[in-house]
Amino acid sequence: MDKLMSEKEVYRGRILDLYKDGKINQQEAAKRMKISSRQVRRLSKRYQSEGLPGLASKKRGVASNRRLNTILRTKVVELIGVNYPDFGPTLAQEKLKDRHDISLSVESTRQLMIEAGYWKPKRGASICTHAMRERRAQFGELIQIDGSPHNWFEGRGAACTLLVFIDDATGQLTQLRFVPTETTLGYMQVLHDHILLHGIPAALYSDKHSIFRINAKEADPEAETQFSRAARALGIECIHAHSPQAKGRVERANQTLQDRLVKEMRLAGISDRESANAWLPGYIKQYNQRFSVTPKNSRDAHLPYSNTQEALTRILSIQQTRLLSKNLSCQYAGKLLQIKTTGAGLGLRGAKVTLHEHFDGRQELLWKKRKLAYSQTEKPVRQSNVADGKTVNARVDMAMAQRNSGHKHKPAPKHPWRITPTVKSTQNRPQAAS
């Protein structure tokens, strides 16, 4: 019989034996069993009449009064199976409440998903071997940035990368943007939008991607990338992490977004970058309401940007310096840029100009902060095209076919090879002296 009883109930039986034999009083028994004196009297009567089984809980083997009814359980499992079969319990619980007005706890949702085979219990969290860095105190002190390539549209649209800006102090997403790949202009556009919305942050925390840092060992210590040059011009400190774990805030945000954002866009019927970028501001607001925390210091560390938006756009652009030739032209990206002037333009000969390539596709040519008008033409190709492993055989075959076709090149009628040399008469030649 003792094997059917819990340790707690067996322990209570021993205490009641001491109470029955007068070795302890009622107050001492209540103290040891952590119950009231009135409950001691109740248990003592049941113990004397029924023995040890009388101490067993009457709820054992009986369904809980708070148990979900069968109709609700069936409905919830059906809704999850149709709409959220690959959702996690937390996200599924949120969607059941928001979209179907069914309020369940996360644990109840998890148990139902386990029973239906939609969720597998996970093992306990592994021990973290990296020391956790304390959050910054103020919003805007440190913005972690990263790019997350992923199958965001689950095959409904082209593969792309999500650029993520997240505040270290609050965990708030400040900017999200889908781009084809990680590029300098892509990050500049996101930083441009961040500054217009929040102001200039104190520092940006990124990895060692070549967009942010020149990684060559023999590189000049003073050299900088286009992005770091723009950040320096805005007074933003660029910090580079030695490992992904060092910028764990944005890495964990990427994991959350790869799970939740993918499913949210599926429910919203979004399948392309343009629609997703227009929809993202509303999602950022929902995300921040769910996951952001209160900073230690309520002050905002962002500095307001006081210059014009045009100046900001020019700072956040790829800038290339060129020297103008005597005919007021220069080359860029395989194209010839010809300056248009109303006069002779003598002052521009040999001048140093800066070409600005903007994230919206525009280009500007500036000389001493003055915008120059120019035309653009293709640079003439003076050399044969470079062949790769896929085209070299085809070009050799074409050359051999021309050689073996018998159609050889014929010289022009007046070519020196076609002119027969005239033989001068020897009769009028002077005789050699004997």
Protein backbone atom coordinates (compact mmCIF):
# COMPACT_ATOMS: atom_id res chain seq x y z
CA MET A 1 0.00 0.00 0.00
CA ASP A 2 2.92 2.37 0.75
CA LYS A 3 4.10 2.04 -2.86
CA LEU A 4 0.81 3.57 -4.06
CA MET A 5 1.20 6.54 -1.77
CA SER A 6 3.31 9.61 -2.43
CA GLU A 7 6.26 10.48 -0.20
CA LYS A 8 4.35 13.48 1.08
CA GLU A 9 1.41 11.32 2.17
CA VAL A 10 3.64 8.72 3.83
CA TYR A 11 5.42 11.51 5.70
CA ARG A 12 2.08 12.85 6.92
CA GLY A 13 1.20 9.39 8.22
CA ARG A 14 4.36 9.33 10.35
CA ILE A 15 3.61 12.78 11.77
CA LEU A 16 0.03 11.73 12.61
CA ASP A 17 1.39 8.64 14.39
CA LEU A 18 3.50 10.92 16.59
CA TYR A 19 0.45 13.12 17.18
CA LYS A 20 -1.72 10.11 18.03
CA ASP A 21 0.87 8.80 20.54
CA GLY A 22 1.04 12.22 22.22
CA LYS A 23 4.69 12.80 21.35
CA ILE A 24 3.89 16.10 19.63
CA ASN A 25 0.95 18.45 19.99
CA GLN A 26 -1.48 19.66 17.31
CA GLN A 27 0.41 22.90 16.64
CA GLU A 28 3.70 21.05 16.15
CA ALA A 29 2.07 18.59 13.76
CA ALA A 30 0.55 21.44 11.75
CA LYS A 31 3.94 23.16 11.58
CA ARG A 32 5.74 20.04 10.35
CA MET A 33 3.12 19.26 7.69
CA LYS A 34 2.78 22.96 6.74
CA ILE A 35 -1.01 22.92 7.09
CA SER A 36 -3.52 24.50 9.48
CA SER A 37 -4.51 23.01 12.86
CA ARG A 38 -8.04 22.46 11.54
CA GLN A 39 -6.66 20.40 8.66
CA VAL A 40 -4.66 18.33 11.16
CA ARG A 41 -7.86 17.33 12.94
CA ARG A 42 -9.51 16.40 9.62
CA LEU A 43 -6.58 14.25 8.50
CA SER A 44 -6.32 12.64 11.94
CA LYS A 45 -9.96 11.44 11.79
CA ARG A 46 -9.53 10.03 8.27
CA TYR A 47 -6.25 8.36 9.26
CA GLN A 48 -7.85 6.66 12.27
CA SER A 49 -10.84 5.42 10.25
CA GLU A 50 -9.26 4.51 6.88
CA GLY A 51 -5.59 4.16 7.66
CA LEU A 52 -2.89 5.42 5.31
CA PRO A 53 -5.12 5.31 2.17
CA GLY A 54 -7.32 7.93 3.85
CA LEU A 55 -4.51 10.47 3.43
CA ALA A 56 -4.48 10.14 -0.37
CA SER A 57 -5.83 13.12 -2.31
CA LYS A 58 -9.44 12.69 -3.38
CA LYS A 59 -8.53 14.37 -6.72
CA ARG A 60 -6.20 11.56 -7.70
CA GLY A 61 -7.38 9.94 -10.93
CA VAL A 62 -10.15 12.52 -11.42
CA ALA A 63 -10.06 14.95 -14.34
CA SER A 64 -9.37 18.55 -13.35
CA ASN A 65 -12.27 20.96 -13.26
CA ARG A 66 -10.09 23.34 -15.31
CA ARG A 67 -9.45 20.77 -18.02
CA LEU A 68 -10.30 21.94 -21.55
CA ASN A 69 -13.52 20.46 -22.81
CA THR A 70 -13.35 18.06 -25.70
CA ILE A 71 -15.09 20.38 -28.18
CA LEU A 72 -12.59 23.21 -27.57
CA ARG A 73 -9.61 20.84 -27.73
CA THR A 74 -10.80 19.45 -31.06
CA LYS A 75 -11.37 22.92 -32.48
CA VAL A 76 -7.95 24.20 -31.40
CA VAL A 77 -6.13 21.19 -32.84
CA GLU A 78 -8.04 21.57 -36.11
CA LEU A 79 -7.21 25.29 -36.37
CA ILE A 80 -3.54 24.63 -35.68
CA GLY A 81 -3.44 21.82 -38.21
CA VAL A 82 -5.00 23.95 -40.96
CA ASN A 83 -3.29 27.30 -40.30
CA TYR A 84 -0.28 26.89 -38.00
CA PRO A 85 1.16 23.36 -38.27
CA ASP A 86 4.79 24.58 -38.32
CA PHE A 87 4.34 27.39 -35.76
CA GLY A 88 5.93 27.30 -32.33
CA PRO A 89 3.57 27.06 -29.31
CA THR A 90 4.07 30.72 -28.33
CA LEU A 91 3.36 32.09 -31.79
CA ALA A 92 0.45 29.68 -32.29
CA GLN A 93 -1.06 30.79 -28.96
CA GLU A 94 -0.79 34.44 -30.04
CA LYS A 95 -2.48 33.74 -33.38
CA LEU A 96 -5.30 31.75 -31.75
CA LYS A 97 -6.02 34.77 -29.55
CA ASP A 98 -5.63 37.48 -32.21
CA ARG A 99 -7.28 35.77 -35.18
CA HIS A 100 -9.76 33.32 -33.59
CA ASP A 101 -10.52 34.88 -30.16
CA ILE A 102 -9.42 31.71 -28.32
CA SER A 103 -7.49 32.42 -25.12
CA LEU A 104 -5.23 29.59 -24.00
CA SER A 105 -2.02 29.51 -22.08
CA VAL A 106 1.19 28.79 -23.96
CA GLU A 107 1.61 25.54 -22.03
CA SER A 108 -1.89 24.32 -22.90
CA THR A 109 -1.23 25.11 -26.55
CA ARG A 110 2.10 23.30 -26.36
CA GLN A 111 0.55 20.17 -24.85
CA LEU A 112 -2.17 20.08 -27.50
CA MET A 113 0.44 20.48 -30.28
CA ILE A 114 2.55 17.68 -28.78
CA GLU A 115 -0.45 15.34 -28.59
CA ALA A 116 -1.35 16.15 -32.23
CA GLY A 117 2.23 15.69 -33.42
CA TYR A 118 2.76 19.31 -34.46
CA TRP A 119 5.48 19.98 -31.89
CA LYS A 120 8.32 17.95 -30.46
CA PRO A 121 9.47 18.71 -26.90
CA LYS A 122 12.92 20.22 -26.81
CA ARG A 123 15.68 19.38 -24.42
CA GLY A 124 16.70 21.82 -21.75
CA ALA A 125 18.79 24.78 -22.80
CA SER A 126 22.50 24.09 -23.02
CA ILE A 127 24.84 25.89 -20.68
CA CYS A 128 26.05 29.16 -22.15
CA THR A 129 29.85 29.34 -22.20
CA HIS A 130 29.96 33.02 -23.23
CA ALA A 131 29.70 35.74 -20.63
CA MET A 132 26.66 37.93 -21.22
CA ARG A 133 27.52 41.55 -21.89
CA GLU A 134 25.33 44.02 -20.04
CA ARG A 135 23.02 46.08 -22.22
CA ARG A 136 23.85 49.70 -22.90
CA ALA A 137 21.97 52.14 -20.71
CA GLN A 138 20.39 54.48 -23.30
CA PHE A 139 18.46 54.02 -26.50
CA GLY A 140 20.68 54.99 -29.43
CA GLU A 141 24.05 54.41 -27.76
CA LEU A 142 24.76 51.24 -29.74
CA ILE A 143 22.90 49.94 -32.80
CA GLN A 144 23.74 46.38 -33.86
CA ILE A 145 23.49 45.79 -37.61
CA ASP A 146 23.59 42.63 -39.68
CA GLY A 147 22.32 41.00 -42.85
CA SER A 148 20.33 37.76 -42.77
CA PRO A 149 20.13 35.80 -46.07
CA HIS A 150 17.22 33.37 -45.89
CA ASN A 151 14.38 31.87 -47.91
CA TRP A 152 12.10 34.60 -46.61
CA PHE A 153 9.24 34.01 -49.05
CA GLU A 154 9.42 30.20 -48.86
CA GLY A 155 9.79 29.88 -52.62
CA ARG A 156 6.95 32.27 -53.47
CA GLY A 157 9.45 34.97 -54.43
CA ALA A 158 13.13 35.46 -55.19
CA ALA A 159 15.70 34.78 -52.49
CA CYS A 160 16.91 37.91 -50.72
CA THR A 161 18.61 39.28 -47.61
CA LEU A 162 17.06 41.11 -44.66
CA LEU A 163 19.11 44.01 -43.25
CA VAL A 164 18.46 44.33 -39.52
CA PHE A 165 19.12 47.33 -37.24
CA ILE A 166 18.40 46.66 -33.53
CA ASP A 167 19.04 48.85 -30.49
CA ASP A 168 21.26 47.27 -27.84
CA ALA A 169 19.67 48.96 -24.81
CA THR A 170 16.02 48.19 -25.55
CA GLY A 171 16.08 45.35 -28.06
CA GLN A 172 13.89 47.46 -30.37
CA LEU A 173 14.07 46.93 -34.09
CA THR A 174 14.81 50.35 -35.55
CA GLN A 175 14.93 49.36 -39.22
CA LEU A 176 14.27 46.30 -41.41
CA ARG A 177 14.69 46.18 -45.17
CA PHE A 178 14.75 43.43 -47.77
CA VAL A 179 17.52 43.75 -50.38
CA PRO A 180 18.79 41.34 -53.07
CA THR A 181 22.19 40.96 -51.36
CA GLU A 182 24.32 42.71 -48.75
CA THR A 183 25.80 45.80 -50.39
CA THR A 184 27.26 49.09 -49.26
CA LEU A 185 24.41 51.10 -50.78
CA GLY A 186 21.86 48.81 -49.12
CA TYR A 187 23.28 49.50 -45.65
CA MET A 188 23.56 53.21 -46.48
CA GLN A 189 19.87 53.33 -47.37
CA VAL A 190 18.87 51.66 -44.11
CA LEU A 191 21.13 53.99 -42.10
CA HIS A 192 19.59 56.94 -43.99
CA ASP A 193 16.09 55.83 -42.95
CA HIS A 194 17.24 55.24 -39.35
CA ILE A 195 18.68 58.75 -39.07
CA LEU A 196 15.54 60.37 -40.49
CA LEU A 197 13.36 58.44 -38.02
CA HIS A 198 15.46 58.42 -34.84
CA GLY A 199 18.55 60.61 -35.33
CA ILE A 200 22.28 59.86 -35.41
CA PRO A 201 23.31 56.97 -33.12
CA ALA A 202 26.55 57.04 -31.14
CA ALA A 203 27.95 53.76 -32.49
CA LEU A 204 27.23 50.93 -34.92
CA TYR A 205 28.18 47.35 -34.06
CA SER A 206 28.77 45.05 -37.06
CA ASP A 207 30.78 42.03 -38.13
CA LYS A 208 34.00 42.16 -40.17
CA HIS A 209 32.32 42.13 -43.55
CA SER A 210 34.31 43.96 -46.24
CA ILE A 211 31.48 46.50 -46.41
CA PHE A 212 32.47 47.77 -42.96
CA ARG A 213 36.19 47.02 -42.73
CA ILE A 214 39.25 46.53 -44.95
CA ASN A 215 40.53 43.10 -43.91
CA ALA A 216 43.71 42.84 -46.02
CA LYS A 217 46.79 42.44 -43.81
CA GLU A 218 48.90 44.75 -45.94
CA ALA A 219 46.21 47.44 -46.10
CA ASP A 220 46.96 50.99 -45.04
CA PRO A 221 45.85 51.48 -41.40
CA GLU A 222 44.30 54.79 -42.44
CA ALA A 223 42.30 53.23 -45.28
CA GLU A 224 38.55 52.95 -44.85
CA THR A 225 35.55 51.61 -46.70
CA GLN A 226 32.83 53.74 -48.23
CA PHE A 227 30.49 52.87 -45.34
CA SER A 228 33.04 53.69 -42.63
CA ARG A 229 33.85 56.97 -44.42
CA ALA A 230 30.17 57.94 -44.37
CA ALA A 231 29.82 56.96 -40.70
CA ARG A 232 32.89 59.02 -39.78
CA ALA A 233 31.44 62.03 -41.62
CA LEU A 234 28.27 61.69 -39.52
CA GLY A 235 30.19 61.28 -36.25
CA ILE A 236 29.24 57.61 -35.77
CA GLU A 237 31.73 55.19 -34.22
CA CYS A 238 32.03 51.87 -36.11
CA ILE A 239 32.80 48.84 -33.93
CA HIS A 240 33.54 45.40 -35.42
CA ALA A 241 32.79 42.17 -33.53
CA HIS A 242 35.38 39.39 -33.40
CA SER A 243 32.72 36.65 -33.48
CA PRO A 244 28.96 36.17 -34.06
CA GLN A 245 28.52 35.53 -30.32
CA ALA A 246 29.84 39.02 -29.56
CA LYS A 247 26.87 40.62 -31.34
CA GLY A 248 24.40 38.13 -29.94
CA ARG A 249 21.54 40.63 -29.74
CA VAL A 250 21.17 40.92 -33.50
CA GLU A 251 22.00 37.24 -34.08
CA ARG A 252 19.14 36.16 -31.79
CA ALA A 253 16.86 38.68 -33.48
CA ASN A 254 17.73 37.09 -36.83
CA GLN A 255 16.70 33.67 -35.52
CA THR A 256 13.41 35.04 -34.21
CA LEU A 257 12.70 36.83 -37.48
CA GLN A 258 13.53 33.76 -39.56
CA ASP A 259 10.86 31.92 -37.58
CA ARG A 260 8.16 34.53 -36.95
CA LEU A 261 8.54 36.96 -39.86
CA VAL A 262 8.40 34.17 -42.45
CA LYS A 263 5.09 32.92 -41.04
CA GLU A 264 3.63 36.42 -40.65
CA MET A 265 4.34 37.20 -44.32
CA ARG A 266 2.79 33.87 -45.31
CA LEU A 267 -0.40 34.76 -43.45
CA ALA A 268 -0.37 38.25 -45.00
CA GLY A 269 0.10 36.85 -48.52
CA ILE A 270 3.36 38.73 -49.16
CA SER A 271 5.63 37.25 -51.85
CA ASP A 272 7.97 40.00 -53.08
CA ARG A 273 10.46 42.49 -51.68
CA GLU A 274 8.55 45.64 -52.63
CA SER A 275 5.36 44.54 -50.85
CA ALA A 276 7.35 43.28 -47.87
CA ASN A 277 9.28 46.56 -47.43
CA ALA A 278 6.02 48.53 -47.51
CA TRP A 279 4.51 46.17 -44.88
CA LEU A 280 7.52 46.00 -42.53
CA PRO A 281 6.94 49.24 -40.50
CA GLY A 282 3.73 47.80 -39.05
CA TYR A 283 5.47 44.55 -38.19
CA ILE A 284 8.34 46.41 -36.50
CA LYS A 285 5.81 48.10 -34.22
CA GLN A 286 4.22 44.76 -33.28
CA TYR A 287 7.64 43.16 -32.70
CA ASN A 288 8.80 45.96 -30.42
CA GLN A 289 5.60 45.80 -28.37
CA ARG A 290 6.21 42.08 -27.86
CA PHE A 291 9.98 41.88 -27.28
CA SER A 292 11.47 45.30 -26.36
CA VAL A 293 12.54 46.13 -22.80
CA THR A 294 12.78 49.35 -20.79
CA PRO A 295 16.30 50.88 -20.79
CA LYS A 296 18.07 51.78 -17.58
CA ASN A 297 18.26 55.41 -18.65
CA SER A 298 15.22 56.94 -20.33
CA ARG A 299 17.28 59.54 -22.23
CA ASP A 300 17.69 59.14 -25.99
CA ALA A 301 21.35 59.08 -27.06
CA HIS A 302 20.53 59.87 -30.70
CA LEU A 303 21.62 63.29 -31.94
CA PRO A 304 19.22 65.15 -34.25
CA TYR A 305 20.43 65.58 -37.83
CA SER A 306 20.39 69.31 -38.52
CA ASN A 307 21.53 69.48 -42.15
CA THR A 308 19.41 69.02 -45.28
CA GLN A 309 18.21 65.66 -46.52
CA GLU A 310 20.14 66.24 -49.76
CA ALA A 311 23.37 66.58 -47.80
CA LEU A 312 22.62 63.39 -45.89
CA THR A 313 21.97 61.54 -49.14
CA ARG A 314 25.29 62.74 -50.53
CA ILE A 315 27.17 61.59 -47.43
CA LEU A 316 25.50 58.18 -47.63
CA SER A 317 26.64 57.51 -51.19
CA ILE A 318 29.56 55.76 -52.85
CA GLN A 319 32.07 58.48 -53.73
CA GLN A 320 34.76 58.13 -56.39
CA THR A 321 37.31 60.83 -57.25
CA ARG A 322 38.32 61.40 -60.89
CA LEU A 323 40.59 63.86 -62.76
CA LEU A 324 39.14 65.57 -65.81
CA SER A 325 41.12 65.43 -69.03
CA LYS A 326 41.80 68.40 -71.29
CA ASN A 327 38.56 67.72 -73.15
CA LEU A 328 36.70 67.65 -69.79
CA SER A 329 36.00 63.92 -69.68
CA CYS A 330 36.71 61.06 -67.28
CA GLN A 331 36.01 57.36 -67.05
CA TYR A 332 33.93 55.45 -64.50
CA ALA A 333 32.72 51.84 -64.47
CA GLY A 334 33.60 51.29 -68.13
CA LYS A 335 31.80 54.44 -69.28
CA LEU A 336 32.97 57.80 -70.54
CA LEU A 337 31.61 60.86 -68.75
CA GLN A 338 31.71 64.09 -70.77
CA ILE A 339 31.19 67.40 -68.94
CA LYS A 340 28.70 69.82 -70.49
CA THR A 341 29.71 73.47 -70.18
CA THR A 342 28.38 76.73 -71.60
CA GLY A 343 31.85 78.24 -71.99
CA ALA A 344 35.32 76.95 -72.75
CA GLY A 345 35.59 75.30 -69.35
CA LEU A 346 39.30 76.01 -69.06
CA GLY A 347 39.11 76.02 -65.27
CA LEU A 348 37.89 72.43 -65.24
CA ARG A 349 40.87 71.01 -67.13
CA GLY A 350 42.68 68.67 -64.79
CA ALA A 351 40.15 69.40 -62.02
CA LYS A 352 39.42 66.82 -59.35
CA VAL A 353 35.73 65.87 -59.38
CA THR A 354 33.73 63.49 -57.19
CA LEU A 355 31.13 61.11 -58.54
CA HIS A 356 28.35 60.25 -56.07
CA GLU A 357 26.47 56.99 -56.63
CA HIS A 358 23.22 57.04 -54.60
CA PHE A 359 21.21 54.11 -53.25
CA ASP A 360 18.21 55.11 -55.38
CA GLY A 361 20.23 54.65 -58.59
CA ARG A 362 20.99 58.34 -59.23
CA GLN A 363 24.48 59.68 -59.95
CA GLU A 364 25.88 63.15 -59.31
CA LEU A 365 29.15 64.72 -60.39
CA LEU A 366 30.39 67.45 -58.04
CA TRP A 367 33.25 69.91 -58.27
CA LYS A 368 33.81 72.11 -55.24
CA LYS A 369 30.24 71.31 -54.04
CA ARG A 370 28.94 72.43 -57.42
CA LYS A 371 26.87 70.01 -59.46
CA LEU A 372 28.15 69.44 -63.01
CA ALA A 373 26.03 68.40 -65.96
CA TYR A 374 27.48 65.57 -68.03
CA SER A 375 26.65 63.01 -70.69
CA GLN A 376 27.47 59.35 -70.47
CA THR A 377 28.58 57.03 -73.29
CA GLU A 378 29.97 53.53 -73.51
CA LYS A 379 33.74 53.35 -73.45
CA PRO A 380 35.08 51.89 -76.75
CA VAL A 381 36.55 48.40 -76.44
CA ARG A 382 40.10 48.23 -77.81
CA GLN A 383 40.90 44.68 -76.79
CA SER A 384 39.22 41.37 -77.53
CA ASN A 385 36.85 40.05 -74.92
CA VAL A 386 38.32 37.84 -72.23
CA ALA A 387 37.33 34.20 -72.60
CA ASP A 388 36.52 31.81 -69.79
CA GLY A 389 36.51 28.03 -69.63
CA LYS A 390 33.04 27.86 -71.15
CA THR A 391 33.78 29.95 -74.27
CA VAL A 392 37.43 29.33 -75.15
CA ASN A 393 36.72 26.05 -76.99
CA ALA A 394 33.96 27.64 -79.06
CA ARG A 395 36.26 30.47 -80.12
CA VAL A 396 39.08 28.07 -81.07
CA ASP A 397 36.64 25.95 -83.09
CA MET A 398 35.48 29.06 -84.94
CA ALA A 399 39.07 30.05 -85.76
CA MET A 400 39.87 26.56 -87.04
CA ALA A 401 36.72 26.51 -89.17
CA GLN A 402 37.72 29.77 -90.84
CA ARG A 403 41.22 28.43 -91.51
CA ASN A 404 39.98 25.18 -93.03
CA SER A 405 37.17 26.71 -95.08
CA GLY A 406 39.51 27.70 -97.92
CA HIS A 407 38.34 31.29 -97.89
CA LYS A 408 41.65 32.92 -97.28
CA HIS A 409 42.13 36.62 -97.12
CA LYS A 410 42.96 38.13 -100.50
CA PRO A 411 45.14 41.23 -100.69
CA ALA A 412 43.80 44.39 -102.26
CA PRO A 413 44.45 45.04 -106.02
CA LYS A 414 47.05 47.72 -105.25
CA HIS A 415 48.67 45.76 -102.46
CA PRO A 416 52.51 45.72 -102.85
CA TRP A 417 52.31 41.93 -103.17
CA ARG A 418 50.25 42.29 -106.38
CA ILE A 419 52.64 44.76 -108.11
CA THR A 420 55.11 42.97 -110.39
CA PRO A 421 58.56 44.60 -110.22
CA THR A 422 59.76 45.97 -113.64
CA VAL A 423 63.07 44.63 -115.03
CA LYS A 424 65.34 47.41 -116.16
CA SER A 425 67.13 47.00 -119.51
CA THR A 426 70.82 46.22 -119.33
CA GLN A 427 71.66 47.71 -122.69
CA ASN A 428 71.96 51.25 -121.48
CA ARG A 429 73.90 50.29 -118.38
CA PRO A 430 77.42 51.77 -118.26
CA GLN A 431 80.15 49.25 -118.82
CA ALA A 432 82.36 48.47 -115.96
CA ALA A 433 85.89 49.70 -116.29
CA SER A 434 88.28 47.05 -117.42
